[in-house]
């Protein structure tokens, strides 16, 4: 990389090199070494007196508008600010590869990267290399909208700040509910076919034994269900995709043993009421839960393709009406809302649902947008990006806008109870909300806060019914006090953790799939525990604990 690597001699040499390389691309551009560059705030008042052009990089979904400046949101922003963005737009499915190449070549860098989506490792590596600049001083000086969010919710500033006190990226924040009612507290929600229950005169199960019996009834009355509902294809009492996020059946085993379950299916950790980080996949309850899932599989109650099927196959079978139980963020993704209801928390040894880690601070992406070292006026860039955090702007960037030329809009401009402008979610008819959002929204850095609803914007219908489900069915059974927060570790520890996690996650997921399908014994379990320890499980948990303790100390002092 032709960037400053944090050492003065190398920095000077590389800066000179970059100056030469950039000279052939339309003139020499100064490389920003990350030192704060204050400006007169009067020069940042929008709309600017003179039209100014900045450069940005952005991703866009396939089959949508590829020129960002043709999107209504950016047209309005240009009018409001007198800032035009010269975009480098990359199709979303090509983004990971192309953004890596662009970040390694200063000639391809733009002033800022709007939809970076960088991991912690990315941010720390690019910060150390000098490809991006720290933003904490610019936020405090020139970003009043974001600063107001940080002041009201200091945990977001803590989560955005590295161990050296730097903020390398502007976050994406979406609050929908809070603490144990936040929409993110439950990922792989389980749903049961109410139409089938009613036809077979069955009640919604509340315990694992009742649940198993319902699945047996679905299996044993397969021909009756096919005939009654005109189903082509075999009846599948329960389908899922093992080890695949929201489609995984882990929510079913939360009541076994200690009641931790395995809500974090990526890192397999949970936090006890004593604020101790544990591996959820080595607990006795996890073992008992996997044994029970194997029993269901042996009884031919689980889709035999649950270990191999892709999302498209899973949805295709669901849309054919063949499932009795399925798992997803929203059952509307798999079948329809009318015939399905969420399955309550199942009681085994206890009744508890462990919330998803990080969920108490709602939706949050630490690495959403960065300012690069080719930015000549980072204060202006940050001031422009701060417009994305305005209460009326963030919902539009997140979901879509109003007043489009086509037939569909996410919003209509209406009024709140005080007669002030408010974005109201518009009826979409048969249009897909996802498709309309992708066509209109621009993503990037933003903050949609709970207090904005019914003041600046209405809550999306598909979010509201999910929030209602959580508050009614799940929050009362969330007896766990803590979740692991969104924590920004050092680069060294992030890399160490990533290396440890690769082996630990692979071992856990492989055994989970194997044991649900084929079963296991006590000797297998002991060997599994020994293997995880050999892969560094103790060091893995110690790293998580180190940063949890630090986070708790920082938030307590706040």
Protein backbone atom coordinates (compact mmCIF):
# COMPACT_ATOMS: atom_id res chain seq x y z
CA UNK A 1 0.00 0.00 0.00
CA UNK A 2 1.21 3.49 -0.79
CA UNK A 3 0.02 4.89 2.55
CA UNK A 4 1.53 6.26 5.71
CA UNK A 5 2.27 3.31 7.99
CA UNK A 6 2.47 5.23 11.27
CA UNK A 7 6.23 5.78 11.30
CA UNK A 8 7.52 9.22 10.44
CA UNK A 9 10.24 8.17 7.99
CA UNK A 10 7.98 5.80 6.11
CA UNK A 11 5.17 8.35 6.21
CA UNK A 12 7.33 11.03 4.62
CA UNK A 13 8.55 8.72 1.90
CA UNK A 14 5.12 7.38 1.08
CA UNK A 15 3.52 10.80 1.15
CA UNK A 16 6.06 11.95 -1.43
CA UNK A 17 5.36 8.83 -3.46
CA UNK A 18 1.62 9.45 -3.36
CA UNK A 19 2.10 13.07 -4.37
CA UNK A 20 3.97 11.90 -7.48
CA UNK A 21 1.45 9.18 -8.31
CA UNK A 22 -1.49 11.53 -7.91
CA UNK A 23 0.11 14.29 -9.94
CA UNK A 24 -0.66 12.41 -13.11
CA UNK A 25 -4.33 12.13 -12.21
CA UNK A 26 -5.48 15.70 -12.64
CA UNK A 27 -2.96 17.51 -10.48
CA UNK A 28 -1.13 17.10 -7.21
CA UNK A 29 -3.27 16.35 -4.14
CA UNK A 30 -1.99 16.69 -0.64
CA UNK A 31 -2.12 13.57 1.53
CA UNK A 32 -3.82 14.10 4.87
CA UNK A 33 -1.69 12.81 7.74
CA UNK A 34 -4.65 12.73 10.11
CA UNK A 35 -3.88 15.97 11.94
CA UNK A 36 -7.04 17.91 12.76
CA UNK A 37 -7.62 20.73 10.27
CA UNK A 38 -9.91 23.38 11.77
CA UNK A 39 -11.81 25.78 9.53
CA UNK A 40 -14.06 28.79 9.98
CA UNK A 41 -17.52 27.40 10.73
CA UNK A 42 -19.03 30.14 8.58
CA UNK A 43 -17.59 28.37 5.54
CA UNK A 44 -19.64 25.28 6.38
CA UNK A 45 -23.08 26.89 6.36
CA UNK A 46 -25.38 25.13 3.91
CA UNK A 47 -26.19 25.82 1.18
CA UNK A 48 -22.62 26.83 0.38
CA UNK A 49 -22.22 30.17 -1.40
CA UNK A 50 -20.34 28.48 -4.22
CA UNK A 51 -20.99 25.03 -5.62
CA UNK A 52 -18.39 22.56 -4.37
CA UNK A 53 -17.59 19.07 -5.60
CA UNK A 54 -16.47 16.23 -3.33
CA UNK A 55 -15.72 12.65 -4.30
CA UNK A 56 -17.33 9.61 -2.73
CA UNK A 57 -17.55 5.85 -3.15
CA UNK A 58 -20.83 3.99 -2.71
CA UNK A 59 -22.39 0.58 -3.33
CA UNK A 60 -25.80 -0.01 -4.87
CA UNK A 61 -28.02 -3.11 -5.13
CA UNK A 62 -28.11 -5.00 -8.41
CA UNK A 63 -30.96 -4.07 -10.75
CA UNK A 64 -31.34 -0.61 -9.22
CA UNK A 65 -30.20 2.86 -10.29
CA UNK A 66 -26.44 2.77 -10.77
CA UNK A 67 -25.90 6.55 -10.85
CA UNK A 68 -26.33 7.81 -7.28
CA UNK A 69 -27.01 11.39 -8.37
CA UNK A 70 -30.13 10.17 -10.18
CA UNK A 71 -31.64 9.12 -6.85
CA UNK A 72 -34.11 11.60 -5.40
CA UNK A 73 -32.40 11.64 -2.01
CA UNK A 74 -29.09 12.82 -3.42
CA UNK A 75 -30.77 15.29 -5.78
CA UNK A 76 -32.42 16.97 -2.79
CA UNK A 77 -29.21 16.93 -0.75
CA UNK A 78 -27.37 18.67 -3.56
CA UNK A 79 -30.04 21.39 -3.66
CA UNK A 80 -29.98 21.81 0.11
CA UNK A 81 -26.17 21.95 0.45
CA UNK A 82 -24.86 23.14 -2.94
CA UNK A 83 -22.42 20.23 -2.68
CA UNK A 84 -22.19 17.87 -5.62
CA UNK A 85 -20.71 14.42 -5.12
CA UNK A 86 -18.68 12.84 -7.89
CA UNK A 87 -19.49 9.22 -7.11
CA UNK A 88 -17.63 6.02 -7.81
CA UNK A 89 -20.51 3.55 -7.68
CA UNK A 90 -19.93 -0.20 -7.31
CA UNK A 91 -22.60 -2.89 -7.50
CA UNK A 92 -23.14 -4.43 -4.07
CA UNK A 93 -22.24 -7.98 -5.05
CA UNK A 94 -18.88 -6.73 -6.38
CA UNK A 95 -18.20 -4.39 -3.46
CA UNK A 96 -16.03 -6.60 -1.19
CA UNK A 97 -13.47 -7.35 -3.89
CA UNK A 98 -13.39 -3.92 -5.49
CA UNK A 99 -13.28 -1.90 -2.27
CA UNK A 100 -10.24 -3.89 -1.12
CA UNK A 101 -8.44 -3.09 -4.36
CA UNK A 102 -9.44 0.58 -4.23
CA UNK A 103 -8.27 0.94 -0.63
CA UNK A 104 -4.83 -0.29 -1.62
CA UNK A 105 -4.46 2.24 -4.45
CA UNK A 106 -4.41 5.96 -3.57
CA UNK A 107 -5.23 6.82 -7.18
CA UNK A 108 -8.59 5.11 -6.78
CA UNK A 109 -9.49 6.64 -3.42
CA UNK A 110 -12.26 9.17 -3.05
CA UNK A 111 -12.66 11.78 -0.29
CA UNK A 112 -14.97 9.48 1.64
CA UNK A 113 -16.50 6.01 1.37
CA UNK A 114 -20.21 6.26 2.05
CA UNK A 115 -21.14 2.58 2.42
CA UNK A 116 -17.80 1.17 3.57
CA UNK A 117 -19.20 -1.50 5.89
CA UNK A 118 -15.67 -2.09 7.19
CA UNK A 119 -14.92 -4.64 9.88
CA UNK A 120 -12.97 -3.69 12.98
CA UNK A 121 -9.87 -5.23 11.42
CA UNK A 122 -10.38 -3.12 8.28
CA UNK A 123 -10.75 0.10 10.27
CA UNK A 124 -7.70 -0.49 12.43
CA UNK A 125 -5.55 -1.64 9.53
CA UNK A 126 -6.53 1.25 7.27
CA UNK A 127 -6.12 3.67 10.17
CA UNK A 128 -2.62 2.39 10.90
CA UNK A 129 -1.68 2.47 7.23
CA UNK A 130 -2.93 6.03 6.95
CA UNK A 131 -5.56 5.31 4.32
CA UNK A 132 -8.29 6.80 6.54
CA UNK A 133 -8.20 9.60 9.12
CA UNK A 134 -9.53 9.83 12.71
CA UNK A 135 -12.79 11.75 13.01
CA UNK A 136 -13.39 12.42 16.72
CA UNK A 137 -12.35 16.09 16.59
CA UNK A 138 -14.37 16.73 13.43
CA UNK A 139 -17.43 15.16 15.04
CA UNK A 140 -17.21 17.45 18.05
CA UNK A 141 -16.50 20.55 15.98
CA UNK A 142 -18.55 20.19 12.80
CA UNK A 143 -21.10 17.40 13.21
CA UNK A 144 -23.81 18.68 15.59
CA UNK A 145 -26.38 16.06 14.55
CA UNK A 146 -24.10 13.10 15.27
CA UNK A 147 -22.69 14.75 18.38
CA UNK A 148 -26.22 15.14 19.73
CA UNK A 149 -26.74 11.39 19.28
CA UNK A 150 -23.46 10.65 21.05
CA UNK A 151 -24.31 13.04 23.87
CA UNK A 152 -27.72 11.47 24.45
CA UNK A 153 -26.49 7.89 23.99
CA UNK A 154 -22.84 7.90 25.13
CA UNK A 155 -22.60 4.16 24.64
CA UNK A 156 -22.50 4.79 20.88
CA UNK A 157 -19.45 7.02 21.24
CA UNK A 158 -17.79 4.37 23.42
CA UNK A 159 -18.60 1.69 20.86
CA UNK A 160 -17.20 3.84 18.03
CA UNK A 161 -13.92 4.65 19.78
CA UNK A 162 -10.83 2.44 19.63
CA UNK A 163 -8.50 1.74 22.55
CA UNK A 164 -6.36 4.76 21.58
CA UNK A 165 -9.27 7.17 21.64
CA UNK A 166 -9.80 7.41 17.88
CA UNK A 167 -13.06 7.22 15.95
CA UNK A 168 -12.21 5.87 12.50
CA UNK A 169 -15.68 5.67 11.02
CA UNK A 170 -19.15 7.18 11.19
CA UNK A 171 -21.74 4.66 12.39
CA UNK A 172 -25.11 3.44 11.20
CA UNK A 173 -27.62 3.34 14.08
CA UNK A 174 -31.18 2.04 13.91
CA UNK A 175 -33.20 1.92 17.10
CA UNK A 176 -36.39 -0.11 17.01
CA UNK A 177 -37.38 -0.77 20.61
CA UNK A 178 -34.86 -0.71 23.41
CA UNK A 179 -33.09 -3.09 25.78
CA UNK A 180 -35.14 -6.32 25.98
CA UNK A 181 -37.82 -5.02 23.60
CA UNK A 182 -35.35 -4.09 20.83
CA UNK A 183 -36.13 -5.71 17.50
CA UNK A 184 -32.65 -7.26 17.36
CA UNK A 185 -33.02 -9.21 20.64
CA UNK A 186 -34.40 -12.20 18.72
CA UNK A 187 -32.77 -13.26 15.48
CA UNK A 188 -33.85 -16.75 14.51
CA UNK A 189 -37.51 -16.43 15.45
CA UNK A 190 -39.48 -19.68 15.26
CA UNK A 191 -42.90 -19.82 13.60
CA UNK A 192 -45.62 -22.48 13.59
CA UNK A 193 -48.32 -23.11 10.99
CA UNK A 194 -51.54 -22.03 12.73
CA UNK A 195 -53.65 -23.27 9.82
CA UNK A 196 -52.37 -26.79 10.37
CA UNK A 197 -52.83 -26.54 14.14
CA UNK A 198 -56.45 -25.50 13.74
CA UNK A 199 -57.20 -28.21 11.20
CA UNK A 200 -55.77 -30.89 13.51
CA UNK A 201 -57.38 -29.31 16.59
CA UNK A 202 -54.02 -28.76 18.26
CA UNK A 203 -52.90 -26.03 20.67
CA UNK A 204 -49.79 -23.91 20.31
CA UNK A 205 -47.10 -25.83 22.25
CA UNK A 206 -45.47 -24.29 25.33
CA UNK A 207 -43.00 -27.05 26.28
CA UNK A 208 -40.49 -29.12 24.33
CA UNK A 209 -42.61 -32.25 24.89
CA UNK A 210 -45.73 -30.55 23.56
CA UNK A 211 -43.75 -29.23 20.62
CA UNK A 212 -42.45 -32.70 19.77
CA UNK A 213 -45.99 -34.08 19.92
CA UNK A 214 -47.25 -31.38 17.55
CA UNK A 215 -44.52 -32.25 15.04
CA UNK A 216 -45.49 -35.92 15.32
CA UNK A 217 -49.10 -35.02 14.52
CA UNK A 218 -47.96 -33.04 11.48
CA UNK A 219 -45.94 -36.06 10.34
CA UNK A 220 -48.64 -38.63 10.98
CA UNK A 221 -51.38 -36.57 9.30
CA UNK A 222 -49.32 -35.63 6.27
CA UNK A 223 -51.78 -37.04 3.74
CA UNK A 224 -54.69 -35.26 5.43
CA UNK A 225 -52.82 -31.94 5.33
CA UNK A 226 -51.87 -32.42 1.68
CA UNK A 227 -55.46 -33.15 0.72
CA UNK A 228 -57.03 -30.36 2.80
CA UNK A 229 -54.67 -27.61 1.65
CA UNK A 230 -53.79 -28.85 -1.84
CA UNK A 231 -50.10 -29.23 -1.07
CA UNK A 232 -47.80 -30.57 -3.77
CA UNK A 233 -44.73 -32.24 -2.34
CA UNK A 234 -44.09 -34.00 0.95
CA UNK A 235 -45.10 -32.53 4.31
CA UNK A 236 -42.13 -31.30 6.35
CA UNK A 237 -42.99 -31.00 10.06
CA UNK A 238 -40.01 -28.69 10.72
CA UNK A 239 -37.53 -27.11 8.36
CA UNK A 240 -34.50 -24.96 9.08
CA UNK A 241 -30.94 -24.35 7.90
CA UNK A 242 -28.54 -25.52 10.59
CA UNK A 243 -25.71 -23.04 11.30
CA UNK A 244 -27.26 -20.38 9.07
CA UNK A 245 -28.10 -17.35 11.20
CA UNK A 246 -31.81 -16.61 11.38
CA UNK A 247 -32.75 -19.96 9.86
CA UNK A 248 -30.98 -22.01 12.56
CA UNK A 249 -33.18 -23.83 15.14
CA UNK A 250 -31.09 -22.84 18.20
CA UNK A 251 -33.95 -20.86 19.76
CA UNK A 252 -35.69 -24.18 20.52
CA UNK A 253 -33.02 -25.38 22.96
CA UNK A 254 -32.87 -22.29 25.16
CA UNK A 255 -34.84 -23.96 27.95
CA UNK A 256 -32.46 -26.85 28.51
CA UNK A 257 -30.09 -26.96 31.49
CA UNK A 258 -29.00 -23.50 32.62
CA UNK A 259 -31.10 -21.80 29.94
CA UNK A 260 -28.33 -20.03 28.00
CA UNK A 261 -29.10 -21.65 24.66
CA UNK A 262 -26.86 -20.49 21.83
CA UNK A 263 -28.14 -17.11 20.66
CA UNK A 264 -24.77 -15.98 19.27
CA UNK A 265 -24.35 -18.50 16.49
CA UNK A 266 -21.24 -16.75 15.18
CA UNK A 267 -19.14 -16.44 18.33
CA UNK A 268 -21.02 -18.87 20.61
CA UNK A 269 -20.70 -16.70 23.71
CA UNK A 270 -23.08 -15.49 26.40
CA UNK A 271 -22.79 -13.32 29.52
CA UNK A 272 -23.89 -14.65 32.90
CA UNK A 273 -25.70 -12.57 35.51
CA UNK A 274 -22.30 -12.26 37.22
CA UNK A 275 -20.95 -10.60 34.04
CA UNK A 276 -18.80 -13.58 33.17
CA UNK A 277 -18.28 -14.44 29.50
CA UNK A 278 -18.93 -18.13 28.82
CA UNK A 279 -19.01 -20.33 25.76
CA UNK A 280 -22.67 -21.23 25.29
CA UNK A 281 -21.80 -24.29 23.21
CA UNK A 282 -20.01 -26.11 26.05
CA UNK A 283 -22.80 -25.81 28.62
CA UNK A 284 -24.71 -28.85 29.82
CA UNK A 285 -27.95 -27.33 28.55
CA UNK A 286 -26.51 -27.04 25.05
CA UNK A 287 -25.52 -30.68 25.15
CA UNK A 288 -29.01 -31.73 26.23
CA UNK A 289 -30.59 -29.52 23.61
CA UNK A 290 -28.55 -31.01 20.78
CA UNK A 291 -29.43 -34.51 22.02
CA UNK A 292 -33.12 -33.55 21.84
CA UNK A 293 -32.78 -32.15 18.31
CA UNK A 294 -31.15 -35.44 17.28
CA UNK A 295 -34.18 -37.24 18.71
CA UNK A 296 -36.44 -35.10 16.54
CA UNK A 297 -34.29 -35.86 13.51
CA UNK A 298 -34.40 -39.61 14.18
CA UNK A 299 -38.19 -39.36 14.37
CA UNK A 300 -38.18 -37.82 10.88
CA UNK A 301 -39.54 -34.54 12.18
CA UNK A 302 -36.73 -32.34 10.78
CA UNK A 303 -36.17 -31.63 7.10
CA UNK A 304 -33.38 -33.97 5.91
CA UNK A 305 -32.08 -31.10 3.76
CA UNK A 306 -31.69 -28.84 6.80
CA UNK A 307 -27.90 -29.27 6.76
CA UNK A 308 -27.29 -28.55 3.09
CA UNK A 309 -30.09 -26.48 1.57
CA UNK A 310 -29.53 -22.94 0.40
CA UNK A 311 -31.82 -19.99 1.12
CA UNK A 312 -33.53 -20.19 -2.28
CA UNK A 313 -34.44 -23.85 -1.78
CA UNK A 314 -35.61 -23.20 1.77
CA UNK A 315 -37.91 -20.39 0.62
CA UNK A 316 -39.17 -22.30 -2.41
CA UNK A 317 -40.36 -25.20 -0.25
CA UNK A 318 -41.86 -22.78 2.25
CA UNK A 319 -43.80 -20.91 -0.42
CA UNK A 320 -45.20 -24.29 -1.51
CA UNK A 321 -46.92 -24.56 1.88
CA UNK A 322 -45.01 -27.65 3.01
CA UNK A 323 -43.73 -26.51 6.44
CA UNK A 324 -45.25 -26.95 9.88
CA UNK A 325 -42.48 -25.04 11.67
CA UNK A 326 -39.81 -22.79 10.20
CA UNK A 327 -37.28 -20.18 11.29
CA UNK A 328 -36.54 -16.73 9.95
CA UNK A 329 -36.34 -13.05 10.85
CA UNK A 330 -39.87 -12.76 9.45
CA UNK A 331 -42.07 -15.66 8.37
CA UNK A 332 -43.23 -13.52 5.45
CA UNK A 333 -39.83 -14.26 3.93
CA UNK A 334 -40.59 -17.98 3.88
CA UNK A 335 -44.36 -18.29 3.50
CA UNK A 336 -47.01 -15.76 4.54
CA UNK A 337 -48.11 -13.83 7.62
CA UNK A 338 -51.75 -14.91 7.55
CA UNK A 339 -51.28 -18.61 8.28
CA UNK A 340 -48.41 -18.42 10.74
CA UNK A 341 -47.79 -17.29 14.33
CA UNK A 342 -44.56 -16.95 16.33
CA UNK A 343 -43.78 -19.94 18.51
CA UNK A 344 -43.44 -18.99 22.20
CA UNK A 345 -40.33 -19.76 24.25
CA UNK A 346 -40.37 -23.49 24.96
CA UNK A 347 -39.95 -24.80 28.50
CA UNK A 348 -37.58 -27.71 29.08
CA UNK A 349 -35.66 -27.57 32.38
CA UNK A 350 -36.34 -23.85 32.61
CA UNK A 351 -38.03 -21.11 30.61
CA UNK A 352 -35.62 -18.47 29.40
CA UNK A 353 -34.64 -16.73 26.19
CA UNK A 354 -31.14 -15.30 25.96
CA UNK A 355 -31.24 -12.07 23.89
CA UNK A 356 -28.88 -11.67 20.95
CA UNK A 357 -25.50 -10.19 21.84
CA UNK A 358 -25.22 -6.48 21.07
CA UNK A 359 -28.98 -6.10 20.80
CA UNK A 360 -29.55 -3.84 23.83
CA UNK A 361 -28.05 -0.93 21.86
CA UNK A 362 -30.20 -1.79 18.81
CA UNK A 363 -28.93 -1.89 15.23
CA UNK A 364 -25.36 -0.62 14.98
CA UNK A 365 -22.62 -0.76 12.35
CA UNK A 366 -19.32 0.71 13.53
CA UNK A 367 -17.62 0.87 10.11
CA UNK A 368 -20.31 2.37 7.91
CA UNK A 369 -18.53 5.44 6.47
CA UNK A 370 -14.90 6.64 6.46
CA UNK A 371 -13.02 9.75 5.37
CA UNK A 372 -9.81 8.98 3.50
CA UNK A 373 -6.37 10.53 3.52
CA UNK A 374 -6.88 12.15 0.10
CA UNK A 375 -9.56 14.43 1.59
CA UNK A 376 -8.33 18.02 1.30
CA UNK A 377 -11.15 19.51 3.39
CA UNK A 378 -12.27 16.89 5.92
CA UNK A 379 -14.22 19.51 7.89
CA UNK A 380 -16.50 20.16 4.91
CA UNK A 381 -16.84 16.44 4.20
CA UNK A 382 -17.83 15.75 7.80
CA UNK A 383 -20.25 18.68 7.83
CA UNK A 384 -21.90 17.30 4.69
CA UNK A 385 -22.00 13.78 6.10
CA UNK A 386 -23.55 15.17 9.27
CA UNK A 387 -26.63 16.04 7.21
CA UNK A 388 -27.24 12.29 7.00
CA UNK A 389 -27.84 12.30 10.77
CA UNK A 390 -30.62 14.92 10.63
CA UNK A 391 -33.83 13.42 12.07
CA UNK A 392 -35.79 13.83 8.82
CA UNK A 393 -32.91 12.67 6.64
CA UNK A 394 -31.84 9.46 8.38
CA UNK A 395 -35.15 7.62 7.87
CA UNK A 396 -35.06 8.42 4.15
CA UNK A 397 -31.48 7.23 3.74
CA UNK A 398 -32.39 4.08 5.68
CA UNK A 399 -35.68 3.11 4.01
CA UNK A 400 -36.47 5.37 1.04
CA UNK A 401 -38.19 8.64 0.32
CA UNK A 402 -41.30 10.41 -0.99
CA UNK A 403 -42.24 12.23 -4.18
CA UNK A 404 -40.57 9.84 -6.62
CA UNK A 405 -41.48 9.91 -10.31
CA UNK A 406 -42.46 6.24 -10.36
CA UNK A 407 -45.53 4.55 -8.89
CA UNK A 408 -44.06 3.58 -5.54
CA UNK A 409 -42.80 5.49 -2.54
CA UNK A 410 -41.76 4.26 0.86
CA UNK A 411 -43.08 7.49 2.39
CA UNK A 412 -45.74 10.11 2.02
CA UNK A 413 -45.07 13.52 3.52
CA UNK A 414 -47.66 14.04 6.23
CA UNK A 415 -48.07 15.75 9.59
CA UNK A 416 -47.54 14.63 13.18
CA UNK A 417 -49.86 15.44 16.08
CA UNK A 418 -48.31 18.91 16.35
CA UNK A 419 -48.92 19.69 12.71
CA UNK A 420 -45.23 19.39 11.83
CA UNK A 421 -43.86 17.54 8.80
CA UNK A 422 -43.57 13.80 9.33
CA UNK A 423 -42.65 10.96 6.99
CA UNK A 424 -45.50 8.44 6.89
CA UNK A 425 -44.91 4.95 5.54
CA UNK A 426 -47.00 4.60 2.41
CA UNK A 427 -49.09 1.57 1.41
CA UNK A 428 -47.14 -0.46 -1.14
CA UNK A 429 -49.90 -2.72 -2.38
CA UNK A 430 -48.34 -5.75 -4.03
CA UNK A 431 -44.91 -4.11 -4.29
CA UNK A 432 -42.10 -5.75 -2.34
CA UNK A 433 -40.94 -3.50 0.52
CA UNK A 434 -37.38 -4.75 0.06
CA UNK A 435 -37.35 -3.92 -3.64
CA UNK A 436 -38.82 -0.44 -3.12
CA UNK A 437 -36.35 0.28 -0.33
CA UNK A 438 -33.42 -0.84 -2.44
CA UNK A 439 -34.61 1.34 -5.32
CA UNK A 440 -34.97 4.47 -3.17
CA UNK A 441 -32.69 4.25 -0.12
CA UNK A 442 -28.99 5.18 -0.17
CA UNK A 443 -27.76 3.68 3.12
CA UNK A 444 -24.59 5.19 4.51
CA UNK A 445 -24.11 6.76 7.95
CA UNK A 446 -27.34 7.61 9.78
CA UNK A 447 -29.20 7.40 13.07
CA UNK A 448 -32.87 6.53 13.46
CA UNK A 449 -33.73 6.87 17.15
CA UNK A 450 -36.76 5.57 19.03
CA UNK A 451 -37.86 9.10 19.87
CA UNK A 452 -38.17 9.90 16.15
CA UNK A 453 -41.19 7.64 15.69
CA UNK A 454 -44.48 9.51 15.37
CA UNK A 455 -42.51 12.77 15.46
CA UNK A 456 -40.38 12.64 12.31
CA UNK A 457 -41.35 9.25 10.90
CA UNK A 458 -43.76 6.38 11.42
CA UNK A 459 -42.51 2.92 12.33
CA UNK A 460 -42.44 0.49 9.38
CA UNK A 461 -45.32 -1.99 9.51
CA UNK A 462 -43.03 -4.99 9.15
CA UNK A 463 -40.96 -3.73 12.08
CA UNK A 464 -43.98 -2.90 14.22
CA UNK A 465 -45.57 -6.33 14.13
CA UNK A 466 -42.19 -7.90 14.92
CA UNK A 467 -41.74 -5.51 17.86
CA UNK A 468 -45.21 -6.48 19.06
CA UNK A 469 -44.33 -10.17 18.85
CA UNK A 470 -41.16 -9.64 20.84
CA UNK A 471 -42.78 -7.55 23.55
CA UNK A 472 -45.71 -9.94 23.94
CA UNK A 473 -44.08 -13.35 23.52
CA UNK A 474 -40.37 -13.05 24.18
CA UNK A 475 -39.43 -10.14 26.44
CA UNK A 476 -41.29 -11.62 29.46
CA UNK A 477 -39.09 -14.72 29.21
CA UNK A 478 -35.79 -12.86 28.81
CA UNK A 479 -34.49 -13.42 32.34
CA UNK A 480 -30.84 -12.94 31.33
CA UNK A 481 -29.54 -9.60 32.65
CA UNK A 482 -26.76 -8.90 30.18
CA UNK A 483 -25.68 -9.37 26.60
CA UNK A 484 -22.21 -8.95 25.17
CA UNK A 485 -22.04 -5.36 23.85
CA UNK A 486 -20.57 -4.09 20.58
CA UNK A 487 -16.94 -3.66 21.62
CA UNK A 488 -14.01 -2.17 19.68
CA UNK A 489 -10.87 -4.18 20.50
CA UNK A 490 -7.27 -3.33 19.63
CA UNK A 491 -5.95 -4.44 16.27
CA UNK A 492 -3.73 -7.09 17.85
CA UNK A 493 -6.54 -8.52 19.96
CA UNK A 494 -9.00 -8.33 17.06
CA UNK A 495 -6.66 -10.40 14.90
CA UNK A 496 -5.93 -12.86 17.72
CA UNK A 497 -9.64 -13.28 18.38
CA UNK A 498 -10.39 -13.72 14.69
CA UNK A 499 -7.80 -16.48 14.38
CA UNK A 500 -9.09 -18.26 17.47
CA UNK A 501 -12.68 -17.89 16.38
CA UNK A 502 -12.05 -19.45 12.99
CA UNK A 503 -11.11 -22.83 14.51
CA UNK A 504 -13.53 -22.68 17.44
CA UNK A 505 -16.54 -21.76 15.32
CA UNK A 506 -15.70 -24.38 12.71
CA UNK A 507 -15.42 -27.11 15.35
CA UNK A 508 -18.65 -26.12 17.11
CA UNK A 509 -20.70 -25.85 13.93
CA UNK A 510 -19.36 -29.08 12.49
CA UNK A 511 -20.19 -31.08 15.61
CA UNK A 512 -23.59 -29.44 15.95
CA UNK A 513 -24.63 -30.51 12.46
CA UNK A 514 -23.08 -33.96 12.82
CA UNK A 515 -24.64 -34.62 16.22
CA UNK A 516 -28.14 -33.50 15.26
CA UNK A 517 -27.94 -35.87 12.31
CA UNK A 518 -26.03 -38.81 13.78
CA UNK A 519 -26.09 -38.44 17.55
CA UNK A 520 -23.19 -38.60 20.00
CA UNK A 521 -22.14 -40.06 23.35
CA UNK A 522 -20.36 -38.83 26.46
CA UNK A 523 -16.96 -39.75 25.07
CA UNK A 524 -17.66 -37.67 21.95
CA UNK A 525 -18.65 -34.75 24.16
CA UNK A 526 -15.47 -34.96 26.25
CA UNK A 527 -13.33 -35.14 23.12
CA UNK A 528 -15.17 -32.08 21.78
CA UNK A 529 -14.41 -30.10 24.96
CA UNK A 530 -10.75 -31.14 24.78
CA UNK A 531 -10.52 -30.09 21.13
CA UNK A 532 -12.04 -26.66 21.83
CA UNK A 533 -9.56 -26.10 24.63
CA UNK A 534 -6.73 -27.11 22.29
CA UNK A 535 -8.02 -24.53 19.81
CA UNK A 536 -7.63 -21.86 22.51
CA UNK A 537 -11.10 -21.58 24.03
CA UNK A 538 -9.78 -20.28 27.38
CA UNK A 539 -7.74 -17.53 25.68
CA UNK A 540 -10.76 -16.74 23.48
CA UNK A 541 -13.00 -16.20 26.50
CA UNK A 542 -10.33 -14.24 28.37
CA UNK A 543 -10.12 -11.74 25.52
CA UNK A 544 -13.87 -11.23 25.52
CA UNK A 545 -13.81 -10.86 29.30
CA UNK A 546 -11.01 -8.28 29.20
CA UNK A 547 -13.00 -5.96 26.96
CA UNK A 548 -16.30 -6.57 28.71
CA UNK A 549 -14.72 -5.49 32.00
CA UNK A 550 -13.30 -2.38 30.32
CA UNK A 551 -16.65 -1.53 28.72
CA UNK A 552 -18.50 -1.96 32.01
CA UNK A 553 -16.01 0.34 33.74
CA UNK A 554 -16.38 2.99 31.02
CA UNK A 555 -20.17 2.95 30.99
CA UNK A 556 -20.33 2.97 34.79
CA UNK A 557 -18.13 6.07 34.88
CA UNK A 558 -20.14 7.79 32.18
